[in-house]
Amino acid sequence: MPAGKKASTGKKSSAKKSTKAAKAPTGALPPYGDPIRGAIARGDVQEMKNVAASSRKWLADVQAALKELDSALKKAGNK
């Protein structure tokens, strides 16, 4: 085979993109450890403030949902 030419695999590349992959996530994303640590490592104070605020809101939402779940479990246990 001459240099500079690639062997054909018989597969055609598609220019189509999945509509699922094209959509950006919406809503709040859970602040798991990597984004928090990444913001700290980058040292961007504004990013750290944004991640902290987002994390606090997410945690408050989760705590409220957990409280509702505990209440529902207590009611279900009384049946």
PDB file of N, CA and C in Angstrom:
ATOM      1  N   MET A   1       0.852  -1.164   0.000  1.00  0.00           N
ATOM      2  CA  MET A   1       0.000   0.000   0.000  1.00  0.00           C
ATOM      3  C   MET A   1       0.899   1.229   0.000  1.00  0.00           C
ATOM      4  N   PRO A   2       0.635   2.209  -0.872  1.00  0.00           N
ATOM      5  CA  PRO A   2       1.454   3.416  -0.922  1.00  0.00           C
ATOM      6  C   PRO A   2       1.332   4.228   0.369  1.00  0.00           C
ATOM      7  N   ALA A   3       2.397   4.886   0.742  1.00  0.00           N
ATOM      8  CA  ALA A   3       2.396   5.702   1.950  1.00  0.00           C
ATOM      9  C   ALA A   3       1.410   6.849   1.787  1.00  0.00           C
ATOM     10  N   GLY A   4       0.750   7.220   2.886  1.00  0.00           N
ATOM     11  CA  GLY A   4      -0.161   8.356   2.873  1.00  0.00           C
ATOM     12  C   GLY A   4      -1.600   7.971   2.573  1.00  0.00           C
ATOM     13  N   LYS A   5      -1.867   6.744   2.147  1.00  0.00           N
ATOM     14  CA  LYS A   5      -3.239   6.310   1.900  1.00  0.00           C
ATOM     15  C   LYS A   5      -3.662   5.369   3.006  1.00  0.00           C
ATOM     16  N   LYS A   6      -4.902   5.553   3.436  1.00  0.00           N
ATOM     17  CA  LYS A   6      -5.446   4.704   4.493  1.00  0.00           C
ATOM     18  C   LYS A   6      -6.257   3.584   3.877  1.00  0.00           C
ATOM     19  N   ALA A   7      -6.226   2.455   4.518  1.00  0.00           N
ATOM     20  CA  ALA A   7      -7.028   1.327   4.060  1.00  0.00           C
ATOM     21  C   ALA A   7      -8.486   1.609   4.355  1.00  0.00           C
ATOM     22  N   SER A   8      -9.351   1.288   3.419  1.00  0.00           N
ATOM     23  CA  SER A   8     -10.774   1.494   3.608  1.00  0.00           C
ATOM     24  C   SER A   8     -11.325   0.393   4.497  1.00  0.00           C
ATOM     25  N   THR A   9     -12.174   0.799   5.477  1.00  0.00           N
ATOM     26  CA  THR A   9     -12.791  -0.173   6.362  1.00  0.00           C
ATOM     27  C   THR A   9     -14.159  -0.578   5.860  1.00  0.00           C
ATOM     28  N   GLY A  10     -14.618   0.068   4.789  1.00  0.00           N
ATOM     29  CA  GLY A  10     -15.932  -0.243   4.263  1.00  0.00           C
ATOM     30  C   GLY A  10     -17.039   0.488   4.989  1.00  0.00           C
ATOM     31  N   LYS A  11     -16.725   1.260   6.026  1.00  0.00           N
ATOM     32  CA  LYS A  11     -17.722   2.005   6.785  1.00  0.00           C
ATOM     33  C   LYS A  11     -17.761   3.434   6.287  1.00  0.00           C
ATOM     34  N   LYS A  12     -18.945   3.961   6.180  1.00  0.00           N
ATOM     35  CA  LYS A  12     -19.107   5.359   5.800  1.00  0.00           C
ATOM     36  C   LYS A  12     -19.304   6.176   7.062  1.00  0.00           C
ATOM     37  N   SER A  13     -18.675   7.330   7.120  1.00  0.00           N
ATOM     38  CA  SER A  13     -18.892   8.187   8.275  1.00  0.00           C
ATOM     39  C   SER A  13     -20.164   8.978   8.035  1.00  0.00           C
ATOM     40  N   SER A  14     -20.904   9.162   9.082  1.00  0.00           N
ATOM     41  CA  SER A  14     -22.173   9.861   8.978  1.00  0.00           C
ATOM     42  C   SER A  14     -22.021  11.268   9.522  1.00  0.00           C
ATOM     43  N   ALA A  15     -22.572  12.229   8.802  1.00  0.00           N
ATOM     44  CA  ALA A  15     -22.526  13.612   9.251  1.00  0.00           C
ATOM     45  C   ALA A  15     -23.692  13.917  10.181  1.00  0.00           C
ATOM     46  N   LYS A  16     -24.630  12.972  10.323  1.00  0.00           N
ATOM     47  CA  LYS A  16     -25.779  13.181  11.186  1.00  0.00           C
ATOM     48  C   LYS A  16     -25.354  13.141  12.644  1.00  0.00           C
ATOM     49  N   LYS A  17     -25.998  13.976  13.420  1.00  0.00           N
ATOM     50  CA  LYS A  17     -25.760  13.963  14.856  1.00  0.00           C
ATOM     51  C   LYS A  17     -27.055  13.587  15.542  1.00  0.00           C
ATOM     52  N   SER A  18     -26.948  12.849  16.582  1.00  0.00           N
ATOM     53  CA  SER A  18     -28.121  12.437  17.332  1.00  0.00           C
ATOM     54  C   SER A  18     -28.786  13.651  17.967  1.00  0.00           C
ATOM     55  N   THR A  19     -30.097  13.690  17.925  1.00  0.00           N
ATOM     56  CA  THR A  19     -30.795  14.802  18.564  1.00  0.00           C
ATOM     57  C   THR A  19     -30.640  14.742  20.072  1.00  0.00           C
ATOM     58  N   LYS A  20     -30.460  13.548  20.614  1.00  0.00           N
ATOM     59  CA  LYS A  20     -30.244  13.421  22.051  1.00  0.00           C
ATOM     60  C   LYS A  20     -28.917  14.061  22.456  1.00  0.00           C
ATOM     61  N   ALA A  21     -27.879  13.850  21.666  1.00  0.00           N
ATOM     62  CA  ALA A  21     -26.561  14.385  21.998  1.00  0.00           C
ATOM     63  C   ALA A  21     -26.509  15.893  21.805  1.00  0.00           C
ATOM     64  N   ALA A  22     -27.370  16.433  20.949  1.00  0.00           N
ATOM     65  CA  ALA A  22     -27.334  17.856  20.649  1.00  0.00           C
ATOM     66  C   ALA A  22     -27.958  18.684  21.767  1.00  0.00           C
ATOM     67  N   LYS A  23     -28.814  18.081  22.569  1.00  0.00           N
ATOM     68  CA  LYS A  23     -29.489  18.822  23.624  1.00  0.00           C
ATOM     69  C   LYS A  23     -28.604  18.942  24.846  1.00  0.00           C
ATOM     70  N   ALA A  24     -28.511  20.158  25.364  1.00  0.00           N
ATOM     71  CA  ALA A  24     -27.761  20.388  26.592  1.00  0.00           C
ATOM     72  C   ALA A  24     -28.652  20.039  27.778  1.00  0.00           C
ATOM     73  N   PRO A  25     -28.069  19.591  28.876  1.00  0.00           N
ATOM     74  CA  PRO A  25     -28.876  19.291  30.051  1.00  0.00           C
ATOM     75  C   PRO A  25     -29.584  20.547  30.545  1.00  0.00           C
ATOM     76  N   THR A  26     -30.787  20.388  31.017  1.00  0.00           N
ATOM     77  CA  THR A  26     -31.526  21.518  31.558  1.00  0.00           C
ATOM     78  C   THR A  26     -31.726  21.319  33.044  1.00  0.00           C
ATOM     79  N   GLY A  27     -31.937  22.403  33.749  1.00  0.00           N
ATOM     80  CA  GLY A  27     -32.169  22.327  35.181  1.00  0.00           C
ATOM     81  C   GLY A  27     -30.884  22.181  35.965  1.00  0.00           C
ATOM     82  N   ALA A  28     -31.036  22.048  37.257  1.00  0.00           N
ATOM     83  CA  ALA A  28     -29.887  21.922  38.143  1.00  0.00           C
ATOM     84  C   ALA A  28     -29.278  20.535  38.034  1.00  0.00           C
ATOM     85  N   LEU A  29     -27.983  20.480  38.053  1.00  0.00           N
ATOM     86  CA  LEU A  29     -27.273  19.209  38.061  1.00  0.00           C
ATOM     87  C   LEU A  29     -26.724  18.972  39.460  1.00  0.00           C
ATOM     88  N   PRO A  30     -26.763  17.746  39.935  1.00  0.00           N
ATOM     89  CA  PRO A  30     -26.244  17.491  41.276  1.00  0.00           C
ATOM     90  C   PRO A  30     -24.764  17.823  41.364  1.00  0.00           C
ATOM     91  N   PRO A  31     -24.362  18.501  42.407  1.00  0.00           N
ATOM     92  CA  PRO A  31     -22.967  18.923  42.566  1.00  0.00           C
ATOM     93  C   PRO A  31     -22.102  17.821  43.154  1.00  0.00           C
ATOM     94  N   TYR A  32     -21.824  16.812  42.347  1.00  0.00           N
ATOM     95  CA  TYR A  32     -20.974  15.749  42.858  1.00  0.00           C
ATOM     96  C   TYR A  32     -19.539  16.262  42.990  1.00  0.00           C
ATOM     97  N   GLY A  33     -18.674  15.497  43.596  1.00  0.00           N
ATOM     98  CA  GLY A  33     -17.345  15.962  44.001  1.00  0.00           C
ATOM     99  C   GLY A  33     -16.445  16.501  42.919  1.00  0.00           C
ATOM    100  N   ASP A  34     -16.448  15.900  41.722  1.00  0.00           N
ATOM    101  CA  ASP A  34     -15.509  16.335  40.688  1.00  0.00           C
ATOM    102  C   ASP A  34     -15.696  17.795  40.263  1.00  0.00           C
ATOM    103  N   PRO A  35     -16.913  18.264  39.975  1.00  0.00           N
ATOM    104  CA  PRO A  35     -17.050  19.676  39.609  1.00  0.00           C
ATOM    105  C   PRO A  35     -16.661  20.619  40.739  1.00  0.00           C
ATOM    106  N   ILE A  36     -16.956  20.228  41.970  1.00  0.00           N
ATOM    107  CA  ILE A  36     -16.581  21.066  43.107  1.00  0.00           C
ATOM    108  C   ILE A  36     -15.058  21.136  43.219  1.00  0.00           C
ATOM    109  N   ARG A  37     -14.417  19.971  43.159  1.00  0.00           N
ATOM    110  CA  ARG A  37     -12.939  19.949  43.249  1.00  0.00           C
ATOM    111  C   ARG A  37     -12.300  20.638  42.056  1.00  0.00           C
ATOM    112  N   GLY A  38     -12.906  20.506  40.887  1.00  0.00           N
ATOM    113  CA  GLY A  38     -12.386  21.166  39.690  1.00  0.00           C
ATOM    114  C   GLY A  38     -12.418  22.673  39.824  1.00  0.00           C
ATOM    115  N   ALA A  39     -13.516  23.196  40.370  1.00  0.00           N
ATOM    116  CA  ALA A  39     -13.628  24.650  40.574  1.00  0.00           C
ATOM    117  C   ALA A  39     -12.555  25.126  41.556  1.00  0.00           C
ATOM    118  N   ILE A  40     -12.332  24.348  42.584  1.00  0.00           N
ATOM    119  CA  ILE A  40     -11.289  24.695  43.563  1.00  0.00           C
ATOM    120  C   ILE A  40      -9.921  24.675  42.896  1.00  0.00           C
ATOM    121  N   ALA A  41      -9.640  23.639  42.122  1.00  0.00           N
ATOM    122  CA  ALA A  41      -8.333  23.495  41.476  1.00  0.00           C
ATOM    123  C   ALA A  41      -8.060  24.625  40.491  1.00  0.00           C
ATOM    124  N   ARG A  42      -9.105  25.077  39.777  1.00  0.00           N
ATOM    125  CA  ARG A  42      -8.916  26.168  38.817  1.00  0.00           C
ATOM    126  C   ARG A  42      -8.706  27.503  39.514  1.00  0.00           C
ATOM    127  N   GLY A  43      -9.171  27.617  40.754  1.00  0.00           N
ATOM    128  CA  GLY A  43      -8.935  28.823  41.531  1.00  0.00           C
ATOM    129  C   GLY A  43      -9.764  30.024  41.103  1.00  0.00           C
ATOM    130  N   ASP A  44     -10.776  29.825  40.272  1.00  0.00           N
ATOM    131  CA  ASP A  44     -11.624  30.922  39.814  1.00  0.00           C
ATOM    132  C   ASP A  44     -12.649  31.207  40.912  1.00  0.00           C
ATOM    133  N   VAL A  45     -12.487  32.335  41.592  1.00  0.00           N
ATOM    134  CA  VAL A  45     -13.320  32.654  42.748  1.00  0.00           C
ATOM    135  C   VAL A  45     -14.795  32.730  42.359  1.00  0.00           C
ATOM    136  N   GLN A  46     -15.113  33.352  41.245  1.00  0.00           N
ATOM    137  CA  GLN A  46     -16.512  33.470  40.841  1.00  0.00           C
ATOM    138  C   GLN A  46     -17.113  32.092  40.547  1.00  0.00           C
ATOM    139  N   GLU A  47     -16.340  31.229  39.889  1.00  0.00           N
ATOM    140  CA  GLU A  47     -16.819  29.873  39.622  1.00  0.00           C
ATOM    141  C   GLU A  47     -17.055  29.132  40.937  1.00  0.00           C
ATOM    142  N   MET A  48     -16.136  29.283  41.894  1.00  0.00           N
ATOM    143  CA  MET A  48     -16.297  28.618  43.183  1.00  0.00           C
ATOM    144  C   MET A  48     -17.556  29.110  43.893  1.00  0.00           C
ATOM    145  N   LYS A  49     -17.819  30.429  43.822  1.00  0.00           N
ATOM    146  CA  LYS A  49     -19.030  30.977  44.434  1.00  0.00           C
ATOM    147  C   LYS A  49     -20.275  30.411  43.760  1.00  0.00           C
ATOM    148  N   ASN A  50     -20.248  30.318  42.434  1.00  0.00           N
ATOM    149  CA  ASN A  50     -21.390  29.780  41.691  1.00  0.00           C
ATOM    150  C   ASN A  50     -21.637  28.309  42.027  1.00  0.00           C
ATOM    151  N   VAL A  51     -20.557  27.529  42.083  1.00  0.00           N
ATOM    152  CA  VAL A  51     -20.682  26.109  42.412  1.00  0.00           C
ATOM    153  C   VAL A  51     -21.186  25.948  43.844  1.00  0.00           C
ATOM    154  N   ALA A  52     -20.693  26.775  44.755  1.00  0.00           N
ATOM    155  CA  ALA A  52     -21.137  26.696  46.151  1.00  0.00           C
ATOM    156  C   ALA A  52     -22.621  27.024  46.268  1.00  0.00           C
ATOM    157  N   ALA A  53     -23.063  28.085  45.600  1.00  0.00           N
ATOM    158  CA  ALA A  53     -24.482  28.467  45.651  1.00  0.00           C
ATOM    159  C   ALA A  53     -25.354  27.376  45.051  1.00  0.00           C
ATOM    160  N   SER A  54     -24.926  26.842  43.921  1.00  0.00           N
ATOM    161  CA  SER A  54     -25.670  25.776  43.263  1.00  0.00           C
ATOM    162  C   SER A  54     -25.739  24.533  44.150  1.00  0.00           C
ATOM    163  N   SER A  55     -24.632  24.211  44.786  1.00  0.00           N
ATOM    164  CA  SER A  55     -24.573  23.042  45.663  1.00  0.00           C
ATOM    165  C   SER A  55     -25.487  23.215  46.869  1.00  0.00           C
ATOM    166  N   ARG A  56     -25.483  24.407  47.452  1.00  0.00           N
ATOM    167  CA  ARG A  56     -26.341  24.656  48.617  1.00  0.00           C
ATOM    168  C   ARG A  56     -27.816  24.537  48.243  1.00  0.00           C
ATOM    169  N   LYS A  57     -28.190  25.072  47.078  1.00  0.00           N
ATOM    170  CA  LYS A  57     -29.579  24.978  46.628  1.00  0.00           C
ATOM    171  C   LYS A  57     -29.951  23.524  46.378  1.00  0.00           C
ATOM    172  N   TRP A  58     -29.076  22.797  45.699  1.00  0.00           N
ATOM    173  CA  TRP A  58     -29.357  21.396  45.403  1.00  0.00           C
ATOM    174  C   TRP A  58     -29.521  20.594  46.691  1.00  0.00           C
ATOM    175  N   LEU A  59     -28.634  20.834  47.652  1.00  0.00           N
ATOM    176  CA  LEU A  59     -28.716  20.114  48.925  1.00  0.00           C
ATOM    177  C   LEU A  59     -30.012  20.439  49.662  1.00  0.00           C
ATOM    178  N   ALA A  60     -30.432  21.705  49.646  1.00  0.00           N
ATOM    179  CA  ALA A  60     -31.685  22.092  50.294  1.00  0.00           C
ATOM    180  C   ALA A  60     -32.872  21.389  49.631  1.00  0.00           C
ATOM    181  N   ASP A  61     -32.860  21.314  48.300  1.00  0.00           N
ATOM    182  CA  ASP A  61     -33.928  20.614  47.576  1.00  0.00           C
ATOM    183  C   ASP A  61     -33.956  19.135  47.937  1.00  0.00           C
ATOM    184  N   VAL A  62     -32.784  18.521  48.020  1.00  0.00           N
ATOM    185  CA  VAL A  62     -32.702  17.103  48.362  1.00  0.00           C
ATOM    186  C   VAL A  62     -33.168  16.875  49.800  1.00  0.00           C
ATOM    187  N   GLN A  63     -32.776  17.749  50.701  1.00  0.00           N
ATOM    188  CA  GLN A  63     -33.204  17.608  52.094  1.00  0.00           C
ATOM    189  C   GLN A  63     -34.722  17.741  52.229  1.00  0.00           C
ATOM    190  N   ALA A  64     -35.324  18.669  51.469  1.00  0.00           N
ATOM    191  CA  ALA A  64     -36.779  18.839  51.502  1.00  0.00           C
ATOM    192  C   ALA A  64     -37.472  17.596  50.946  1.00  0.00           C
ATOM    193  N   ALA A  65     -36.946  17.057  49.849  1.00  0.00           N
ATOM    194  CA  ALA A  65     -37.531  15.850  49.265  1.00  0.00           C
ATOM    195  C   ALA A  65     -37.394  14.663  50.211  1.00  0.00           C
ATOM    196  N   LEU A  66     -36.271  14.573  50.896  1.00  0.00           N
ATOM    197  CA  LEU A  66     -36.060  13.485  51.853  1.00  0.00           C
ATOM    198  C   LEU A  66     -37.032  13.603  53.024  1.00  0.00           C
ATOM    199  N   LYS A  67     -37.294  14.818  53.453  1.00  0.00           N
ATOM    200  CA  LYS A  67     -38.253  15.036  54.536  1.00  0.00           C
ATOM    201  C   LYS A  67     -39.643  14.566  54.099  1.00  0.00           C
ATOM    202  N   GLU A  68     -40.025  14.885  52.853  1.00  0.00           N
ATOM    203  CA  GLU A  68     -41.308  14.424  52.313  1.00  0.00           C
ATOM    204  C   GLU A  68     -41.352  12.891  52.245  1.00  0.00           C
ATOM    205  N   LEU A  69     -40.256  12.300  51.828  1.00  0.00           N
ATOM    206  CA  LEU A  69     -40.172  10.847  51.744  1.00  0.00           C
ATOM    207  C   LEU A  69     -40.316  10.207  53.118  1.00  0.00           C
ATOM    208  N   ASP A  70     -39.630  10.761  54.105  1.00  0.00           N
ATOM    209  CA  ASP A  70     -39.745  10.238  55.474  1.00  0.00           C
ATOM    210  C   ASP A  70     -41.183  10.324  55.968  1.00  0.00           C
ATOM    211  N   SER A  71     -41.849  11.433  55.672  1.00  0.00           N
ATOM    212  CA  SER A  71     -43.244  11.609  56.069  1.00  0.00           C
ATOM    213  C   SER A  71     -44.140  10.567  55.398  1.00  0.00           C
ATOM    214  N   ALA A  72     -43.932  10.341  54.110  1.00  0.00           N
ATOM    215  CA  ALA A  72     -44.714   9.346  53.376  1.00  0.00           C
ATOM    216  C   ALA A  72     -44.455   7.939  53.924  1.00  0.00           C
ATOM    217  N   LEU A  73     -43.218   7.665  54.288  1.00  0.00           N
ATOM    218  CA  LEU A  73     -42.887   6.354  54.863  1.00  0.00           C
ATOM    219  C   LEU A  73     -43.587   6.151  56.205  1.00  0.00           C
ATOM    220  N   LYS A  74     -43.651   7.196  57.017  1.00  0.00           N
ATOM    221  CA  LYS A  74     -44.335   7.083  58.310  1.00  0.00           C
ATOM    222  C   LYS A  74     -45.815   6.803  58.097  1.00  0.00           C
ATOM    223  N   LYS A  75     -46.425   7.517  57.142  1.00  0.00           N
ATOM    224  CA  LYS A  75     -47.850   7.300  56.854  1.00  0.00           C
ATOM    225  C   LYS A  75     -48.078   5.894  56.310  1.00  0.00           C
ATOM    226  N   ALA A  76     -47.197   5.417  55.454  1.00  0.00           N
ATOM    227  CA  ALA A  76     -47.339   4.092  54.870  1.00  0.00           C
ATOM    228  C   ALA A  76     -47.159   3.006  55.927  1.00  0.00           C
ATOM    229  N   GLY A  77     -46.344   3.276  56.921  1.00  0.00           N
ATOM    230  CA  GLY A  77     -46.108   2.298  57.982  1.00  0.00           C
ATOM    231  C   GLY A  77     -47.296   2.158  58.916  1.00  0.00           C
ATOM    232  N   ASN A  78     -48.204   3.125  58.940  1.00  0.00           N
ATOM    233  CA  ASN A  78     -49.351   3.091  59.813  1.00  0.00           C
ATOM    234  C   ASN A  78     -50.549   2.369  59.204  1.00  0.00           C
ATOM    235  N   LYS A  79     -50.401   1.856  58.001  1.00  0.00           N
ATOM    236  CA  LYS A  79     -51.533   1.183  57.345  1.00  0.00           C
ATOM    237  C   LYS A  79     -51.649  -0.241  57.793  1.00  0.00           C
TER     238      LYS A  79
END
